[in-house]
Amino acid sequence: VPKDEIKRRVEEAAEILDITKYLQRKPKALSGGQ
């Protein structure tokens, strides 16, 4: 999938799930719910 489309979809999903601020973190830095 084109990079611009990937960025759009990921950011849109992150906004829906309220995880935008965690996009550059790795899983070990997140809680179970995150």
PDB file of all heavy atoms in Angstrom:
ATOM      1  N   VAL A   1       0.866  -1.186   0.000  1.00  0.00           N
ATOM      2  CA  VAL A   1       0.000   0.000   0.000  1.00  0.00           C
ATOM      3  C   VAL A   1       0.901   1.234   0.000  1.00  0.00           C
ATOM      4  O   VAL A   1       1.939   1.254   0.694  1.00  0.00           O
ATOM      5  CB  VAL A   1      -0.913  -0.009   1.252  1.00  0.00           C
ATOM      6  CG1 VAL A   1      -1.722   1.280   1.345  1.00  0.00           C
ATOM      7  CG2 VAL A   1      -1.831  -1.227   1.222  1.00  0.00           C
ATOM      8  N   PRO A   2       0.565   2.271  -0.764  1.00  0.00           N
ATOM      9  CA  PRO A   2       1.402   3.474  -0.810  1.00  0.00           C
ATOM     10  C   PRO A   2       1.635   4.074   0.586  1.00  0.00           C
ATOM     11  O   PRO A   2       0.755   4.007   1.452  1.00  0.00           O
ATOM     12  CB  PRO A   2       0.588   4.434  -1.687  1.00  0.00           C
ATOM     13  CG  PRO A   2      -0.238   3.537  -2.552  1.00  0.00           C
ATOM     14  CD  PRO A   2      -0.574   2.344  -1.719  1.00  0.00           C
ATOM     15  N   LYS A   3       2.824   4.664   0.790  1.00  0.00           N
ATOM     16  CA  LYS A   3       3.207   5.175   2.103  1.00  0.00           C
ATOM     17  C   LYS A   3       2.238   6.225   2.631  1.00  0.00           C
ATOM     18  O   LYS A   3       1.917   6.243   3.823  1.00  0.00           O
ATOM     19  CB  LYS A   3       4.620   5.765   2.040  1.00  0.00           C
ATOM     20  CG  LYS A   3       5.717   4.716   1.940  1.00  0.00           C
ATOM     21  CD  LYS A   3       7.089   5.371   2.012  1.00  0.00           C
ATOM     22  CE  LYS A   3       8.195   4.302   1.971  1.00  0.00           C
ATOM     23  NZ  LYS A   3       9.545   4.930   2.042  1.00  0.00           N
ATOM     24  N   ASP A   4       1.789   7.114   1.757  1.00  0.00           N
ATOM     25  CA  ASP A   4       0.861   8.161   2.197  1.00  0.00           C
ATOM     26  C   ASP A   4      -0.447   7.551   2.701  1.00  0.00           C
ATOM     27  O   ASP A   4      -1.030   8.020   3.693  1.00  0.00           O
ATOM     28  CB  ASP A   4       0.562   9.140   1.048  1.00  0.00           C
ATOM     29  CG  ASP A   4       1.752  10.022   0.728  1.00  0.00           C
ATOM     30  OD1 ASP A   4       2.703  10.022   1.531  1.00  0.00           O
ATOM     31  OD2 ASP A   4       1.721  10.690  -0.323  1.00  0.00           O
ATOM     32  N   GLU A   5      -0.912   6.505   2.008  1.00  0.00           N
ATOM     33  CA  GLU A   5      -2.152   5.836   2.408  1.00  0.00           C
ATOM     34  C   GLU A   5      -1.960   5.101   3.740  1.00  0.00           C
ATOM     35  O   GLU A   5      -2.847   5.109   4.602  1.00  0.00           O
ATOM     36  CB  GLU A   5      -2.592   4.856   1.321  1.00  0.00           C
ATOM     37  CG  GLU A   5      -3.831   4.032   1.650  1.00  0.00           C
ATOM     38  CD  GLU A   5      -5.094   4.856   1.746  1.00  0.00           C
ATOM     39  OE1 GLU A   5      -5.066   6.063   1.430  1.00  0.00           O
ATOM     40  OE2 GLU A   5      -6.135   4.288   2.158  1.00  0.00           O
ATOM     41  N   ILE A   6      -0.776   4.469   3.899  1.00  0.00           N
ATOM     42  CA  ILE A   6      -0.477   3.781   5.168  1.00  0.00           C
ATOM     43  C   ILE A   6      -0.506   4.789   6.320  1.00  0.00           C
ATOM     44  O   ILE A   6      -1.131   4.546   7.360  1.00  0.00           O
ATOM     45  CB  ILE A   6       0.901   3.088   5.106  1.00  0.00           C
ATOM     46  CG1 ILE A   6       0.856   1.898   4.146  1.00  0.00           C
ATOM     47  CG2 ILE A   6       1.333   2.633   6.509  1.00  0.00           C
ATOM     48  CD1 ILE A   6       2.207   1.227   3.935  1.00  0.00           C
ATOM     49  N   LYS A   7       0.154   5.926   6.134  1.00  0.00           N
ATOM     50  CA  LYS A   7       0.218   6.952   7.181  1.00  0.00           C
ATOM     51  C   LYS A   7      -1.190   7.437   7.532  1.00  0.00           C
ATOM     52  O   LYS A   7      -1.539   7.594   8.706  1.00  0.00           O
ATOM     53  CB  LYS A   7       1.086   8.115   6.702  1.00  0.00           C
ATOM     54  CG  LYS A   7       1.325   9.205   7.737  1.00  0.00           C
ATOM     55  CD  LYS A   7       2.345  10.208   7.220  1.00  0.00           C
ATOM     56  CE  LYS A   7       2.678  11.261   8.260  1.00  0.00           C
ATOM     57  NZ  LYS A   7       1.550  12.150   8.577  1.00  0.00           N
ATOM     58  N   ARG A   8      -1.997   7.668   6.512  1.00  0.00           N
ATOM     59  CA  ARG A   8      -3.363   8.160   6.743  1.00  0.00           C
ATOM     60  C   ARG A   8      -4.184   7.157   7.547  1.00  0.00           C
ATOM     61  O   ARG A   8      -4.840   7.506   8.518  1.00  0.00           O
ATOM     62  CB  ARG A   8      -4.054   8.439   5.406  1.00  0.00           C
ATOM     63  CG  ARG A   8      -5.455   9.051   5.553  1.00  0.00           C
ATOM     64  CD  ARG A   8      -6.186   9.089   4.232  1.00  0.00           C
ATOM     65  NE  ARG A   8      -6.529   7.749   3.743  1.00  0.00           N
ATOM     66  CZ  ARG A   8      -7.550   7.023   4.219  1.00  0.00           C
ATOM     67  NH1 ARG A   8      -8.308   7.500   5.202  1.00  0.00           N
ATOM     68  NH2 ARG A   8      -7.803   5.843   3.709  1.00  0.00           N
ATOM     69  N   ARG A   9      -4.112   5.877   7.139  1.00  0.00           N
ATOM     70  CA  ARG A   9      -4.915   4.853   7.810  1.00  0.00           C
ATOM     71  C   ARG A   9      -4.474   4.634   9.253  1.00  0.00           C
ATOM     72  O   ARG A   9      -5.300   4.484  10.152  1.00  0.00           O
ATOM     73  CB  ARG A   9      -4.817   3.530   7.037  1.00  0.00           C
ATOM     74  CG  ARG A   9      -5.580   3.525   5.730  1.00  0.00           C
ATOM     75  CD  ARG A   9      -5.865   2.078   5.344  1.00  0.00           C
ATOM     76  NE  ARG A   9      -6.002   1.889   3.924  1.00  0.00           N
ATOM     77  CZ  ARG A   9      -6.152   0.699   3.356  1.00  0.00           C
ATOM     78  NH1 ARG A   9      -6.139  -0.403   4.092  1.00  0.00           N
ATOM     79  NH2 ARG A   9      -6.302   0.584   2.040  1.00  0.00           N
ATOM     80  N   VAL A  10      -3.146   4.584   9.463  1.00  0.00           N
ATOM     81  CA  VAL A  10      -2.638   4.353  10.822  1.00  0.00           C
ATOM     82  C   VAL A  10      -3.008   5.520  11.735  1.00  0.00           C
ATOM     83  O   VAL A  10      -3.466   5.314  12.871  1.00  0.00           O
ATOM     84  CB  VAL A  10      -1.106   4.136  10.806  1.00  0.00           C
ATOM     85  CG1 VAL A  10      -0.555   4.143  12.238  1.00  0.00           C
ATOM     86  CG2 VAL A  10      -0.772   2.820  10.119  1.00  0.00           C
ATOM     87  N   GLU A  11      -2.825   6.735  11.255  1.00  0.00           N
ATOM     88  CA  GLU A  11      -3.140   7.901  12.087  1.00  0.00           C
ATOM     89  C   GLU A  11      -4.637   7.985  12.368  1.00  0.00           C
ATOM     90  O   GLU A  11      -5.043   8.374  13.472  1.00  0.00           O
ATOM     91  CB  GLU A  11      -2.633   9.182  11.415  1.00  0.00           C
ATOM     92  CG  GLU A  11      -1.104   9.285  11.425  1.00  0.00           C
ATOM     93  CD  GLU A  11      -0.590  10.518  10.722  1.00  0.00           C
ATOM     94  OE1 GLU A  11      -1.402  11.207  10.040  1.00  0.00           O
ATOM     95  OE2 GLU A  11       0.631  10.805  10.831  1.00  0.00           O
ATOM     96  N   GLU A  12      -5.448   7.609  11.396  1.00  0.00           N
ATOM     97  CA  GLU A  12      -6.903   7.623  11.601  1.00  0.00           C
ATOM     98  C   GLU A  12      -7.311   6.591  12.650  1.00  0.00           C
ATOM     99  O   GLU A  12      -8.105   6.876  13.553  1.00  0.00           O
ATOM    100  CB  GLU A  12      -7.612   7.328  10.273  1.00  0.00           C
ATOM    101  CG  GLU A  12      -9.117   7.412  10.350  1.00  0.00           C
ATOM    102  CD  GLU A  12      -9.761   7.117   8.999  1.00  0.00           C
ATOM    103  OE1 GLU A  12     -10.042   5.940   8.720  1.00  0.00           O
ATOM    104  OE2 GLU A  12      -9.944   8.071   8.219  1.00  0.00           O
ATOM    105  N   ALA A  13      -6.744   5.380  12.564  1.00  0.00           N
ATOM    106  CA  ALA A  13      -7.048   4.334  13.543  1.00  0.00           C
ATOM    107  C   ALA A  13      -6.532   4.724  14.929  1.00  0.00           C
ATOM    108  O   ALA A  13      -7.200   4.485  15.942  1.00  0.00           O
ATOM    109  CB  ALA A  13      -6.438   3.010  13.103  1.00  0.00           C
ATOM    110  N   ALA A  14      -5.347   5.313  14.979  1.00  0.00           N
ATOM    111  CA  ALA A  14      -4.776   5.730  16.258  1.00  0.00           C
ATOM    112  C   ALA A  14      -5.638   6.789  16.925  1.00  0.00           C
ATOM    113  O   ALA A  14      -5.817   6.784  18.158  1.00  0.00           O
ATOM    114  CB  ALA A  14      -3.353   6.256  16.047  1.00  0.00           C
ATOM    115  N   GLU A  15      -6.198   7.689  16.127  1.00  0.00           N
ATOM    116  CA  GLU A  15      -7.078   8.722  16.682  1.00  0.00           C
ATOM    117  C   GLU A  15      -8.352   8.099  17.244  1.00  0.00           C
ATOM    118  O   GLU A  15      -8.811   8.462  18.337  1.00  0.00           O
ATOM    119  CB  GLU A  15      -7.426   9.743  15.592  1.00  0.00           C
ATOM    120  CG  GLU A  15      -8.286  10.878  16.112  1.00  0.00           C
ATOM    121  CD  GLU A  15      -8.661  11.869  15.022  1.00  0.00           C
ATOM    122  OE1 GLU A  15      -8.135  11.747  13.898  1.00  0.00           O
ATOM    123  OE2 GLU A  15      -9.505  12.739  15.303  1.00  0.00           O
ATOM    124  N   ILE A  16      -8.937   7.155  16.491  1.00  0.00           N
ATOM    125  CA  ILE A  16     -10.154   6.477  16.959  1.00  0.00           C
ATOM    126  C   ILE A  16      -9.899   5.787  18.295  1.00  0.00           C
ATOM    127  O   ILE A  16     -10.735   5.816  19.209  1.00  0.00           O
ATOM    128  CB  ILE A  16     -10.628   5.444  15.915  1.00  0.00           C
ATOM    129  CG1 ILE A  16     -11.157   6.163  14.660  1.00  0.00           C
ATOM    130  CG2 ILE A  16     -11.705   4.524  16.492  1.00  0.00           C
ATOM    131  CD1 ILE A  16     -11.485   5.223  13.509  1.00  0.00           C
ATOM    132  N   LEU A  17      -8.706   5.178  18.431  1.00  0.00           N
ATOM    133  CA  LEU A  17      -8.392   4.388  19.627  1.00  0.00           C
ATOM    134  C   LEU A  17      -7.646   5.183  20.694  1.00  0.00           C
ATOM    135  O   LEU A  17      -7.273   4.619  21.730  1.00  0.00           O
ATOM    136  CB  LEU A  17      -7.546   3.170  19.217  1.00  0.00           C
ATOM    137  CG  LEU A  17      -8.289   2.150  18.350  1.00  0.00           C
ATOM    138  CD1 LEU A  17      -7.310   1.229  17.644  1.00  0.00           C
ATOM    139  CD2 LEU A  17      -9.261   1.336  19.200  1.00  0.00           C
ATOM    140  N   ASP A  18      -7.424   6.468  20.436  1.00  0.00           N
ATOM    141  CA  ASP A  18      -6.760   7.358  21.401  1.00  0.00           C
ATOM    142  C   ASP A  18      -5.353   6.859  21.760  1.00  0.00           C
ATOM    143  O   ASP A  18      -4.969   6.819  22.923  1.00  0.00           O
ATOM    144  CB  ASP A  18      -7.608   7.500  22.673  1.00  0.00           C
ATOM    145  CG  ASP A  18      -7.152   8.679  23.538  1.00  0.00           C
ATOM    146  OD1 ASP A  18      -6.531   9.605  22.984  1.00  0.00           O
ATOM    147  OD2 ASP A  18      -7.393   8.633  24.763  1.00  0.00           O
ATOM    148  N   ILE A  19      -4.590   6.473  20.725  1.00  0.00           N
ATOM    149  CA  ILE A  19      -3.202   6.033  20.969  1.00  0.00           C
ATOM    150  C   ILE A  19      -2.216   6.811  20.089  1.00  0.00           C
ATOM    151  O   ILE A  19      -1.082   6.372  19.896  1.00  0.00           O
ATOM    152  CB  ILE A  19      -3.036   4.511  20.722  1.00  0.00           C
ATOM    153  CG1 ILE A  19      -3.572   4.116  19.334  1.00  0.00           C
ATOM    154  CG2 ILE A  19      -3.708   3.704  21.822  1.00  0.00           C
ATOM    155  CD1 ILE A  19      -3.290   2.655  18.970  1.00  0.00           C
ATOM    156  N   THR A  20      -2.627   7.970  19.593  1.00  0.00           N
ATOM    157  CA  THR A  20      -1.764   8.759  18.706  1.00  0.00           C
ATOM    158  C   THR A  20      -0.418   9.080  19.362  1.00  0.00           C
ATOM    159  O   THR A  20       0.645   8.995  18.728  1.00  0.00           O
ATOM    160  CB  THR A  20      -2.463  10.070  18.301  1.00  0.00           C
ATOM    161  OG1 THR A  20      -3.696   9.750  17.655  1.00  0.00           O
ATOM    162  CG2 THR A  20      -1.587  10.891  17.368  1.00  0.00           C
ATOM    163  N   LYS A  21      -0.455   9.393  20.653  1.00  0.00           N
ATOM    164  CA  LYS A  21       0.780   9.804  21.339  1.00  0.00           C
ATOM    165  C   LYS A  21       1.738   8.639  21.587  1.00  0.00           C
ATOM    166  O   LYS A  21       2.876   8.842  22.022  1.00  0.00           O
ATOM    167  CB  LYS A  21       0.448  10.490  22.659  1.00  0.00           C
ATOM    168  CG  LYS A  21      -0.360   9.666  23.619  1.00  0.00           C
ATOM    169  CD  LYS A  21      -0.790  10.519  24.813  1.00  0.00           C
ATOM    170  CE  LYS A  21      -1.748   9.747  25.718  1.00  0.00           C
ATOM    171  NZ  LYS A  21      -2.255  10.593  26.811  1.00  0.00           N
ATOM    172  N   TYR A  22       1.281   7.411  21.316  1.00  0.00           N
ATOM    173  CA  TYR A  22       2.147   6.247  21.549  1.00  0.00           C
ATOM    174  C   TYR A  22       2.722   5.668  20.261  1.00  0.00           C
ATOM    175  O   TYR A  22       3.388   4.631  20.289  1.00  0.00           O
ATOM    176  CB  TYR A  22       1.356   5.139  22.258  1.00  0.00           C
ATOM    177  CG  TYR A  22       0.661   5.580  23.527  1.00  0.00           C
ATOM    178  CD1 TYR A  22      -0.706   5.377  23.682  1.00  0.00           C
ATOM    179  CD2 TYR A  22       1.370   6.204  24.548  1.00  0.00           C
ATOM    180  CE1 TYR A  22      -1.349   5.788  24.846  1.00  0.00           C
ATOM    181  CE2 TYR A  22       0.738   6.621  25.706  1.00  0.00           C
ATOM    182  CZ  TYR A  22      -0.626   6.408  25.852  1.00  0.00           C
ATOM    183  OH  TYR A  22      -1.262   6.815  26.995  1.00  0.00           O
ATOM    184  N   LEU A  23       2.507   6.317  19.123  1.00  0.00           N
ATOM    185  CA  LEU A  23       2.873   5.728  17.835  1.00  0.00           C
ATOM    186  C   LEU A  23       4.370   5.435  17.697  1.00  0.00           C
ATOM    187  O   LEU A  23       4.754   4.511  16.970  1.00  0.00           O
ATOM    188  CB  LEU A  23       2.416   6.633  16.685  1.00  0.00           C
ATOM    189  CG  LEU A  23       0.908   6.633  16.398  1.00  0.00           C
ATOM    190  CD1 LEU A  23       0.561   7.644  15.310  1.00  0.00           C
ATOM    191  CD2 LEU A  23       0.440   5.240  15.991  1.00  0.00           C
ATOM    192  N   GLN A  24       5.207   6.180  18.386  1.00  0.00           N
ATOM    193  CA  GLN A  24       6.656   5.947  18.271  1.00  0.00           C
ATOM    194  C   GLN A  24       7.231   5.113  19.415  1.00  0.00           C
ATOM    195  O   GLN A  24       8.437   4.915  19.501  1.00  0.00           O
ATOM    196  CB  GLN A  24       7.387   7.296  18.169  1.00  0.00           C
ATOM    197  CG  GLN A  24       6.999   8.118  16.942  1.00  0.00           C
ATOM    198  CD  GLN A  24       7.073   7.311  15.647  1.00  0.00           C
ATOM    199  OE1 GLN A  24       8.057   6.595  15.402  1.00  0.00           O
ATOM    200  NE2 GLN A  24       6.041   7.413  14.817  1.00  0.00           N
ATOM    201  N   ARG A  25       6.358   4.623  20.281  1.00  0.00           N
ATOM    202  CA  ARG A  25       6.817   3.758  21.374  1.00  0.00           C
ATOM    203  C   ARG A  25       6.805   2.303  20.928  1.00  0.00           C
ATOM    204  O   ARG A  25       6.138   1.926  19.971  1.00  0.00           O
ATOM    205  CB  ARG A  25       5.913   3.913  22.597  1.00  0.00           C
ATOM    206  CG  ARG A  25       5.968   5.273  23.247  1.00  0.00           C
ATOM    207  CD  ARG A  25       5.217   5.257  24.564  1.00  0.00           C
ATOM    208  NE  ARG A  25       5.106   6.593  25.137  1.00  0.00           N
ATOM    209  CZ  ARG A  25       4.509   6.850  26.298  1.00  0.00           C
ATOM    210  NH1 ARG A  25       3.979   5.855  27.003  1.00  0.00           N
ATOM    211  NH2 ARG A  25       4.437   8.076  26.750  1.00  0.00           N
ATOM    212  N   LYS A  26       7.544   1.477  21.680  1.00  0.00           N
ATOM    213  CA  LYS A  26       7.522   0.035  21.451  1.00  0.00           C
ATOM    214  C   LYS A  26       6.586  -0.621  22.464  1.00  0.00           C
ATOM    215  O   LYS A  26       6.324  -0.046  23.529  1.00  0.00           O
ATOM    216  CB  LYS A  26       8.929  -0.541  21.524  1.00  0.00           C
ATOM    217  CG  LYS A  26       9.801  -0.078  20.353  1.00  0.00           C
ATOM    218  CD  LYS A  26      11.162  -0.730  20.351  1.00  0.00           C
ATOM    219  CE  LYS A  26      11.957  -0.281  19.114  1.00  0.00           C
ATOM    220  NZ  LYS A  26      13.319  -0.853  19.101  1.00  0.00           N
ATOM    221  N   PRO A  27       6.064  -1.817  22.169  1.00  0.00           N
ATOM    222  CA  PRO A  27       5.067  -2.454  23.037  1.00  0.00           C
ATOM    223  C   PRO A  27       5.474  -2.562  24.503  1.00  0.00           C
ATOM    224  O   PRO A  27       4.627  -2.442  25.390  1.00  0.00           O
ATOM    225  CB  PRO A  27       4.909  -3.836  22.397  1.00  0.00           C
ATOM    226  CG  PRO A  27       5.183  -3.601  20.949  1.00  0.00           C
ATOM    227  CD  PRO A  27       6.269  -2.579  20.922  1.00  0.00           C
ATOM    228  N   LYS A  28       6.771  -2.780  24.783  1.00  0.00           N
ATOM    229  CA  LYS A  28       7.198  -2.956  26.177  1.00  0.00           C
ATOM    230  C   LYS A  28       6.973  -1.692  27.011  1.00  0.00           C
ATOM    231  O   LYS A  28       6.939  -1.758  28.248  1.00  0.00           O
ATOM    232  CB  LYS A  28       8.661  -3.377  26.237  1.00  0.00           C
ATOM    233  CG  LYS A  28       9.650  -2.320  25.770  1.00  0.00           C
ATOM    234  CD  LYS A  28      11.079  -2.844  25.862  1.00  0.00           C
ATOM    235  CE  LYS A  28      12.085  -1.797  25.384  1.00  0.00           C
ATOM    236  NZ  LYS A  28      13.477  -2.310  25.448  1.00  0.00           N
ATOM    237  N   ALA A  29       6.819  -0.546  26.342  1.00  0.00           N
ATOM    238  CA  ALA A  29       6.608   0.718  27.051  1.00  0.00           C
ATOM    239  C   ALA A  29       5.127   1.024  27.262  1.00  0.00           C
ATOM    240  O   ALA A  29       4.779   2.099  27.748  1.00  0.00           O
ATOM    241  CB  ALA A  29       7.268   1.862  26.273  1.00  0.00           C
ATOM    242  N   LEU A  30       4.256   0.080  26.900  1.00  0.00           N
ATOM    243  CA  LEU A  30       2.813   0.303  26.986  1.00  0.00           C
ATOM    244  C   LEU A  30       2.184  -0.581  28.052  1.00  0.00           C
ATOM    245  O   LEU A  30       2.694  -1.647  28.394  1.00  0.00           O
ATOM    246  CB  LEU A  30       2.152  -0.011  25.637  1.00  0.00           C
ATOM    247  CG  LEU A  30       2.683   0.716  24.406  1.00  0.00           C
ATOM    248  CD1 LEU A  30       1.941   0.230  23.169  1.00  0.00           C
ATOM    249  CD2 LEU A  30       2.542   2.229  24.560  1.00  0.00           C
ATOM    250  N   SER A  31       1.052  -0.132  28.569  1.00  0.00           N
ATOM    251  CA  SER A  31       0.271  -0.946  29.508  1.00  0.00           C
ATOM    252  C   SER A  31      -0.508  -2.009  28.728  1.00  0.00           C
ATOM    253  O   SER A  31      -0.577  -1.982  27.490  1.00  0.00           O
ATOM    254  CB  SER A  31      -0.720  -0.065  30.270  1.00  0.00           C
ATOM    255  OG  SER A  31      -1.719   0.427  29.379  1.00  0.00           O
ATOM    256  N   GLY A  32      -1.118  -2.939  29.461  1.00  0.00           N
ATOM    257  CA  GLY A  32      -1.899  -3.989  28.806  1.00  0.00           C
ATOM    258  C   GLY A  32      -3.046  -3.431  27.978  1.00  0.00           C
ATOM    259  O   GLY A  32      -3.288  -3.876  26.852  1.00  0.00           O
ATOM    260  N   GLY A  33      -3.724  -2.428  28.507  1.00  0.00           N
ATOM    261  CA  GLY A  33      -4.837  -1.828  27.760  1.00  0.00           C
ATOM    262  C   GLY A  33      -4.368  -1.125  26.503  1.00  0.00           C
ATOM    263  O   GLY A  33      -5.026  -1.195  25.461  1.00  0.00           O
ATOM    264  N   GLN A  34      -3.221  -0.446  26.600  1.00  0.00           N
ATOM    265  CA  GLN A  34      -2.676   0.244  25.426  1.00  0.00           C
ATOM    266  C   GLN A  34      -2.241  -0.756  24.360  1.00  0.00           C
ATOM    267  O   GLN A  34      -2.459  -0.545  23.167  1.00  0.00           O
ATOM    268  CB  GLN A  34      -1.506   1.133  25.853  1.00  0.00           C
ATOM    269  CG  GLN A  34      -1.945   2.336  26.689  1.00  0.00           C
ATOM    270  CD  GLN A  34      -0.807   2.957  27.474  1.00  0.00           C
ATOM    271  OE1 GLN A  34       0.306   2.423  27.540  1.00  0.00           O
ATOM    272  NE2 GLN A  34      -1.083   4.097  28.106  1.00  0.00           N
TER     273      GLN A  34
END
